[in-house]
Amino acid sequence: MECPACKGNIPDGAKFCPYCGKGVMHGTQTKWWALALLAGALTGAGIFLAYQLFQEKRVWDAQGGEELPPSSLEEDLDF
């Protein structure tokens, strides 16, 4: 493997370059930016869904939405 900093030859399994001392990441480690991208996508999806929920509630309230009748499940379970 080649060191990304000094281009020296690094033995397989080494955690540091023996020539310059730079730390070496192996392919099995997850890159931080991949986790950041995933976290950003999940956060964005959550914000989008919350926005849609509030928009739907606003439309429901503007149309004079009524309470739904109790479900038969609630009657069966004696809530």
Protein backbone atom coordinates (compact mmCIF):
# COMPACT_ATOMS: atom_id res chain seq x y z
CA MET A 1 0.00 0.00 0.00
CA GLU A 2 1.20 3.54 -0.69
CA CYS A 3 1.22 6.35 1.87
CA PRO A 4 -1.08 9.20 0.76
CA ALA A 5 1.27 11.79 2.30
CA CYS A 6 4.83 10.75 1.36
CA LYS A 7 4.10 8.01 -1.23
CA GLY A 8 6.29 5.57 0.74
CA ASN A 9 5.58 1.84 0.77
CA ILE A 10 3.48 0.87 3.81
CA PRO A 11 3.34 -2.79 4.93
CA ASP A 12 -0.13 -4.35 4.94
CA GLY A 13 -1.85 -4.04 8.31
CA ALA A 14 0.24 -1.05 9.42
CA LYS A 15 -1.62 1.77 11.17
CA PHE A 16 1.07 4.39 10.52
CA CYS A 17 3.51 5.10 7.72
CA PRO A 18 7.02 4.00 8.82
CA TYR A 19 8.55 6.91 6.85
CA CYS A 20 6.47 9.96 7.77
CA GLY A 21 4.31 8.71 10.67
CA LYS A 22 1.00 9.63 9.02
CA GLY A 23 -1.96 7.51 10.17
CA VAL A 24 -3.38 5.16 7.58
CA MET A 25 -7.08 4.38 7.17
CA HIS A 26 -7.92 0.93 5.87
CA GLY A 27 -10.90 0.18 3.64
CA THR A 28 -12.83 -1.55 6.43
CA GLN A 29 -13.28 1.67 8.40
CA THR A 30 -16.31 3.81 7.66
CA LYS A 31 -15.45 7.25 6.45
CA TRP A 32 -16.79 10.09 8.60
CA TRP A 33 -18.34 11.85 5.62
CA ALA A 34 -20.48 8.81 4.79
CA LEU A 35 -21.96 8.91 8.29
CA ALA A 36 -22.42 12.68 8.03
CA LEU A 37 -24.21 12.26 4.70
CA LEU A 38 -26.50 9.61 6.17
CA ALA A 39 -27.24 11.77 9.22
CA GLY A 40 -27.97 14.75 6.98
CA ALA A 41 -30.31 12.73 4.78
CA LEU A 42 -32.22 11.39 7.78
CA THR A 43 -32.45 14.85 9.32
CA GLY A 44 -33.68 16.30 6.04
CA ALA A 45 -36.30 13.57 5.70
CA GLY A 46 -37.48 14.21 9.27
CA ILE A 47 -37.78 17.95 8.66
CA PHE A 48 -39.65 17.34 5.40
CA LEU A 49 -42.10 14.93 7.05
CA ALA A 50 -42.71 17.31 9.96
CA TYR A 51 -43.35 20.16 7.51
CA GLN A 52 -45.81 18.02 5.56
CA LEU A 53 -47.61 17.06 8.78
CA PHE A 54 -47.99 20.70 9.83
CA GLN A 55 -49.18 21.67 6.34
CA GLU A 56 -51.76 18.88 6.39
CA LYS A 57 -52.99 19.97 9.83
CA ARG A 58 -53.25 23.58 8.66
CA VAL A 59 -55.36 22.52 5.65
CA TRP A 60 -57.49 20.24 7.85
CA ASP A 61 -58.15 23.07 10.32
CA ALA A 62 -58.92 25.55 7.51
CA GLN A 63 -61.55 23.18 6.08
CA GLY A 64 -63.25 22.84 9.45
CA GLY A 65 -62.02 19.32 10.11
CA GLU A 66 -64.15 17.38 12.53
CA GLU A 67 -63.16 14.88 15.18
CA LEU A 68 -63.26 11.31 13.97
CA PRO A 69 -65.72 8.97 15.67
CA PRO A 70 -64.22 6.54 18.18
CA SER A 71 -62.99 3.33 16.63
CA SER A 72 -64.53 -0.02 17.39
CA LEU A 73 -61.17 -1.11 18.80
CA GLU A 74 -61.48 1.44 21.61
CA GLU A 75 -64.97 0.17 22.41
CA ASP A 76 -63.81 -3.45 22.50
CA LEU A 77 -60.93 -2.72 24.85
CA ASP A 78 -62.98 -0.50 27.22
CA PHE A 79 -60.72 2.53 27.01
